[in-house]
Amino acid sequence: MIIYHLPCKDHVKHYLEFTFGIPQQPILIRNGSYIGKYFYQLVEDASETREKTLKLDNYTSMIELKITQDMVLRKGCVLTKTNVRAFNTFVSDHFKTQIHAILDTLTDIQGMQIKKAIEIIYDKFNMDEAIMTHEAIRKDYQRYKKRLKSASTND
């Protein structure tokens, strides 16, 4: 196995550990999972777009991802700053999409208050304010709802 040390945002690290592994242990990324397929695609096709100007300073966490040595030997694997950013964005968007779906169900269908719904999100994903603040989740959800409303009025 080859281990990549990937800079990431706190909520991305938490989501990957929650979904695929054990906290504080390297996570095996398989080509058969949705996120794994994207990761393998990135490391196979190293993009260096904006590599000189891209900074990863806001990626304050680090996660270890394991991939098979066979994959490295067959195709080669390079993880550029551009790909690190793309992977973080992909995982973050995936995580937030799941949060949006749960919040839609709890608030729109069940009529729950957003504050209580976010508490359920914390319980479901075993996280707290240190990972993603209540305010950040609420604001992201409001932006999502605004995008949906804007898209439906443009049709």
C-alpha atoms as a PDB file:
ATOM      1  CA  MET A   1       0.000   0.000   0.000  1.00  0.00           C
ATOM      2  CA  ILE A   2       1.061   3.561  -0.727  1.00  0.00           C
ATOM      3  CA  ILE A   3       0.009   6.258   1.734  1.00  0.00           C
ATOM      4  CA  TYR A   4      -0.784   9.803   0.634  1.00  0.00           C
ATOM      5  CA  HIS A   5      -0.779  12.605   3.199  1.00  0.00           C
ATOM      6  CA  LEU A   6      -3.558  14.849   1.970  1.00  0.00           C
ATOM      7  CA  PRO A   7      -4.146  18.374   3.297  1.00  0.00           C
ATOM      8  CA  CYS A   8      -7.864  18.928   3.814  1.00  0.00           C
ATOM      9  CA  LYS A   9     -10.500  20.925   5.626  1.00  0.00           C
ATOM     10  CA  ASP A  10     -11.718  19.663   8.994  1.00  0.00           C
ATOM     11  CA  HIS A  11     -15.158  18.617   7.737  1.00  0.00           C
ATOM     12  CA  VAL A  12     -13.633  16.761   4.753  1.00  0.00           C
ATOM     13  CA  LYS A  13     -11.350  14.784   7.061  1.00  0.00           C
ATOM     14  CA  HIS A  14     -14.214  14.003   9.406  1.00  0.00           C
ATOM     15  CA  TYR A  15     -16.488  12.879   6.580  1.00  0.00           C
ATOM     16  CA  LEU A  16     -13.849  10.585   5.065  1.00  0.00           C
ATOM     17  CA  GLU A  17     -13.058   9.040   8.452  1.00  0.00           C
ATOM     18  CA  PHE A  18     -16.755   8.686   9.274  1.00  0.00           C
ATOM     19  CA  THR A  19     -17.584   7.116   5.916  1.00  0.00           C
ATOM     20  CA  PHE A  20     -14.543   4.983   5.083  1.00  0.00           C
ATOM     21  CA  GLY A  21     -12.345   4.392   8.065  1.00  0.00           C
ATOM     22  CA  ILE A  22     -11.293   4.658  11.623  1.00  0.00           C
ATOM     23  CA  PRO A  23     -10.242   8.051  13.030  1.00  0.00           C
ATOM     24  CA  GLN A  24      -6.462   8.482  13.221  1.00  0.00           C
ATOM     25  CA  GLN A  25      -5.875   5.495  10.886  1.00  0.00           C
ATOM     26  CA  PRO A  26      -4.974   5.621   7.177  1.00  0.00           C
ATOM     27  CA  ILE A  27      -8.094   5.217   5.051  1.00  0.00           C
ATOM     28  CA  LEU A  28      -8.106   2.667   2.252  1.00  0.00           C
ATOM     29  CA  ILE A  29      -9.512   4.318  -0.849  1.00  0.00           C
ATOM     30  CA  ARG A  30     -10.927   1.747  -3.235  1.00  0.00           C
ATOM     31  CA  ASN A  31     -11.627   2.322  -6.902  1.00  0.00           C
ATOM     32  CA  GLY A  32     -15.111   0.862  -6.438  1.00  0.00           C
ATOM     33  CA  SER A  33     -16.511   3.711  -4.324  1.00  0.00           C
ATOM     34  CA  TYR A  34     -17.872   6.969  -5.661  1.00  0.00           C
ATOM     35  CA  ILE A  35     -15.217   9.056  -3.910  1.00  0.00           C
ATOM     36  CA  GLY A  36     -12.515   6.469  -4.625  1.00  0.00           C
ATOM     37  CA  LYS A  37     -13.156   6.591  -8.373  1.00  0.00           C
ATOM     38  CA  TYR A  38     -12.726  10.349  -8.345  1.00  0.00           C
ATOM     39  CA  PHE A  39      -9.534  10.154  -6.270  1.00  0.00           C
ATOM     40  CA  TYR A  40      -7.982   7.573  -8.611  1.00  0.00           C
ATOM     41  CA  GLN A  41      -8.931   9.668 -11.619  1.00  0.00           C
ATOM     42  CA  LEU A  42      -7.187  12.691 -10.084  1.00  0.00           C
ATOM     43  CA  VAL A  43      -3.966  10.898  -9.206  1.00  0.00           C
ATOM     44  CA  GLU A  44      -3.791   9.289 -12.652  1.00  0.00           C
ATOM     45  CA  ASP A  45      -4.270  12.578 -14.504  1.00  0.00           C
ATOM     46  CA  ALA A  46      -2.201  15.147 -12.627  1.00  0.00           C
ATOM     47  CA  SER A  47      -3.440  18.636 -13.376  1.00  0.00           C
ATOM     48  CA  GLU A  48      -1.141  21.561 -12.723  1.00  0.00           C
ATOM     49  CA  THR A  49      -3.566  24.360 -13.533  1.00  0.00           C
ATOM     50  CA  ARG A  50      -2.782  27.376 -11.330  1.00  0.00           C
ATOM     51  CA  GLU A  51      -0.190  25.280  -9.477  1.00  0.00           C
ATOM     52  CA  LYS A  52       2.096  28.254  -8.819  1.00  0.00           C
ATOM     53  CA  THR A  53      -0.626  30.528  -7.428  1.00  0.00           C
ATOM     54  CA  LEU A  54      -2.715  27.974  -5.562  1.00  0.00           C
ATOM     55  CA  LYS A  55      -2.332  27.990  -1.790  1.00  0.00           C
ATOM     56  CA  LEU A  56      -3.600  25.316   0.562  1.00  0.00           C
ATOM     57  CA  ASP A  57      -3.301  27.413   3.735  1.00  0.00           C
ATOM     58  CA  ASN A  58      -6.964  26.988   4.691  1.00  0.00           C
ATOM     59  CA  TYR A  59      -6.590  23.191   4.642  1.00  0.00           C
ATOM     60  CA  THR A  60      -5.693  22.868   8.300  1.00  0.00           C
ATOM     61  CA  SER A  61      -6.147  19.113   8.690  1.00  0.00           C
ATOM     62  CA  MET A  62      -4.209  16.211   7.238  1.00  0.00           C
ATOM     63  CA  ILE A  63      -5.589  12.810   6.337  1.00  0.00           C
ATOM     64  CA  GLU A  64      -3.761   9.669   5.277  1.00  0.00           C
ATOM     65  CA  LEU A  65      -5.216   7.832   2.302  1.00  0.00           C
ATOM     66  CA  LYS A  66      -3.990   4.368   1.292  1.00  0.00           C
ATOM     67  CA  ILE A  67      -4.037   3.189  -2.289  1.00  0.00           C
ATOM     68  CA  THR A  68      -2.846  -0.073  -3.736  1.00  0.00           C
ATOM     69  CA  GLN A  69       0.751  -0.335  -4.869  1.00  0.00           C
ATOM     70  CA  ASP A  70      -0.467  -2.120  -8.005  1.00  0.00           C
ATOM     71  CA  MET A  71      -2.340   1.021  -9.019  1.00  0.00           C
ATOM     72  CA  VAL A  72       0.763   3.153  -8.590  1.00  0.00           C
ATOM     73  CA  LEU A  73       2.939   0.754 -10.577  1.00  0.00           C
ATOM     74  CA  ARG A  74       0.438   0.377 -13.419  1.00  0.00           C
ATOM     75  CA  LYS A  75      -0.570   3.967 -13.967  1.00  0.00           C
ATOM     76  CA  GLY A  76       1.614   6.183 -11.817  1.00  0.00           C
ATOM     77  CA  CYS A  77       0.139   8.551  -9.291  1.00  0.00           C
ATOM     78  CA  VAL A  78       0.801  12.220  -8.729  1.00  0.00           C
ATOM     79  CA  LEU A  79      -1.132  14.418  -6.346  1.00  0.00           C
ATOM     80  CA  THR A  80      -0.696  18.096  -7.225  1.00  0.00           C
ATOM     81  CA  LYS A  81      -2.036  21.081  -5.295  1.00  0.00           C
ATOM     82  CA  THR A  82      -4.657  21.495  -8.004  1.00  0.00           C
ATOM     83  CA  ASN A  83      -5.792  17.894  -7.467  1.00  0.00           C
ATOM     84  CA  VAL A  84      -5.756  18.264  -3.675  1.00  0.00           C
ATOM     85  CA  ARG A  85      -8.077  21.230  -4.013  1.00  0.00           C
ATOM     86  CA  ALA A  86     -10.317  19.405  -6.506  1.00  0.00           C
ATOM     87  CA  PHE A  87     -10.579  16.360  -4.212  1.00  0.00           C
ATOM     88  CA  ASN A  88     -11.406  18.509  -1.190  1.00  0.00           C
ATOM     89  CA  THR A  89     -14.081  20.355  -3.149  1.00  0.00           C
ATOM     90  CA  PHE A  90     -15.543  17.095  -4.443  1.00  0.00           C
ATOM     91  CA  VAL A  91     -15.754  15.482  -0.985  1.00  0.00           C
ATOM     92  CA  SER A  92     -17.064  18.688   0.603  1.00  0.00           C
ATOM     93  CA  ASP A  93     -19.782  19.040  -2.039  1.00  0.00           C
ATOM     94  CA  HIS A  94     -20.733  15.377  -1.616  1.00  0.00           C
ATOM     95  CA  PHE A  95     -20.980  15.774   2.162  1.00  0.00           C
ATOM     96  CA  LYS A  96     -23.001  18.981   1.892  1.00  0.00           C
ATOM     97  CA  THR A  97     -25.378  17.369  -0.612  1.00  0.00           C
ATOM     98  CA  GLN A  98     -26.130  14.682   1.965  1.00  0.00           C
ATOM     99  CA  ILE A  99     -26.666  17.353   4.615  1.00  0.00           C
ATOM    100  CA  HIS A 100     -29.019  19.270   2.300  1.00  0.00           C
ATOM    101  CA  ALA A 101     -31.085  16.155   1.586  1.00  0.00           C
ATOM    102  CA  ILE A 102     -31.476  15.405   5.295  1.00  0.00           C
ATOM    103  CA  LEU A 103     -32.321  19.026   6.128  1.00  0.00           C
ATOM    104  CA  ASP A 104     -34.872  19.116   3.299  1.00  0.00           C
ATOM    105  CA  THR A 105     -36.542  16.031   4.708  1.00  0.00           C
ATOM    106  CA  LEU A 106     -36.550  17.289   8.285  1.00  0.00           C
ATOM    107  CA  THR A 107     -37.575  20.892   7.625  1.00  0.00           C
ATOM    108  CA  ASP A 108     -39.734  20.771   4.489  1.00  0.00           C
ATOM    109  CA  ILE A 109     -41.447  17.417   4.914  1.00  0.00           C
ATOM    110  CA  GLN A 110     -41.519  16.982   8.680  1.00  0.00           C
ATOM    111  CA  GLY A 111     -41.776  20.702   9.524  1.00  0.00           C
ATOM    112  CA  MET A 112     -38.893  20.664  11.988  1.00  0.00           C
ATOM    113  CA  GLN A 113     -37.082  23.858  12.969  1.00  0.00           C
ATOM    114  CA  ILE A 114     -33.665  24.271  11.336  1.00  0.00           C
ATOM    115  CA  LYS A 115     -31.867  24.420  14.698  1.00  0.00           C
ATOM    116  CA  LYS A 116     -33.238  21.021  15.765  1.00  0.00           C
ATOM    117  CA  ALA A 117     -32.583  19.576  12.285  1.00  0.00           C
ATOM    118  CA  ILE A 118     -28.923  20.620  12.480  1.00  0.00           C
ATOM    119  CA  GLU A 119     -28.637  18.911  15.868  1.00  0.00           C
ATOM    120  CA  ILE A 120     -29.835  15.724  14.174  1.00  0.00           C
ATOM    121  CA  ILE A 121     -27.154  16.234  11.489  1.00  0.00           C
ATOM    122  CA  TYR A 122     -24.548  16.448  14.268  1.00  0.00           C
ATOM    123  CA  ASP A 123     -25.809  13.180  15.733  1.00  0.00           C
ATOM    124  CA  LYS A 124     -26.067  11.376  12.401  1.00  0.00           C
ATOM    125  CA  PHE A 125     -22.518  12.237  11.330  1.00  0.00           C
ATOM    126  CA  ASN A 126     -21.050  12.063  14.851  1.00  0.00           C
ATOM    127  CA  MET A 127     -19.732  15.621  14.657  1.00  0.00           C
ATOM    128  CA  ASP A 128     -19.861  18.847  16.596  1.00  0.00           C
ATOM    129  CA  GLU A 129     -19.309  22.597  16.198  1.00  0.00           C
ATOM    130  CA  ALA A 130     -15.542  22.108  15.968  1.00  0.00           C
ATOM    131  CA  ILE A 131     -15.965  20.210  12.690  1.00  0.00           C
ATOM    132  CA  MET A 132     -18.610  22.427  11.103  1.00  0.00           C
ATOM    133  CA  THR A 133     -20.365  25.213  12.979  1.00  0.00           C
ATOM    134  CA  HIS A 134     -24.123  25.451  13.303  1.00  0.00           C
ATOM    135  CA  GLU A 135     -23.920  28.821  11.554  1.00  0.00           C
ATOM    136  CA  ALA A 136     -21.881  27.409   8.635  1.00  0.00           C
ATOM    137  CA  ILE A 137     -24.393  24.605   8.082  1.00  0.00           C
ATOM    138  CA  ARG A 138     -27.350  26.994   8.307  1.00  0.00           C
ATOM    139  CA  LYS A 139     -25.816  29.524   5.889  1.00  0.00           C
ATOM    140  CA  ASP A 140     -24.779  26.832   3.416  1.00  0.00           C
ATOM    141  CA  TYR A 141     -28.305  25.413   3.524  1.00  0.00           C
ATOM    142  CA  GLN A 142     -29.800  28.873   2.936  1.00  0.00           C
ATOM    143  CA  ARG A 143     -27.524  29.386  -0.094  1.00  0.00           C
ATOM    144  CA  TYR A 144     -28.573  25.976  -1.410  1.00  0.00           C
ATOM    145  CA  LYS A 145     -32.283  26.829  -1.017  1.00  0.00           C
ATOM    146  CA  LYS A 146     -31.722  30.191  -2.707  1.00  0.00           C
ATOM    147  CA  ARG A 147     -30.001  28.463  -5.668  1.00  0.00           C
ATOM    148  CA  LEU A 148     -32.922  26.043  -5.954  1.00  0.00           C
ATOM    149  CA  LYS A 149     -35.455  28.853  -5.893  1.00  0.00           C
ATOM    150  CA  SER A 150     -33.464  30.845  -8.459  1.00  0.00           C
ATOM    151  CA  ALA A 151     -33.165  27.813 -10.756  1.00  0.00           C
ATOM    152  CA  SER A 152     -36.900  27.078 -10.562  1.00  0.00           C
ATOM    153  CA  THR A 153     -37.852  30.676 -11.418  1.00  0.00           C
ATOM    154  CA  ASN A 154     -35.508  30.671 -14.430  1.00  0.00           C
ATOM    155  CA  ASP A 155     -37.241  27.654 -15.999  1.00  0.00           C
END
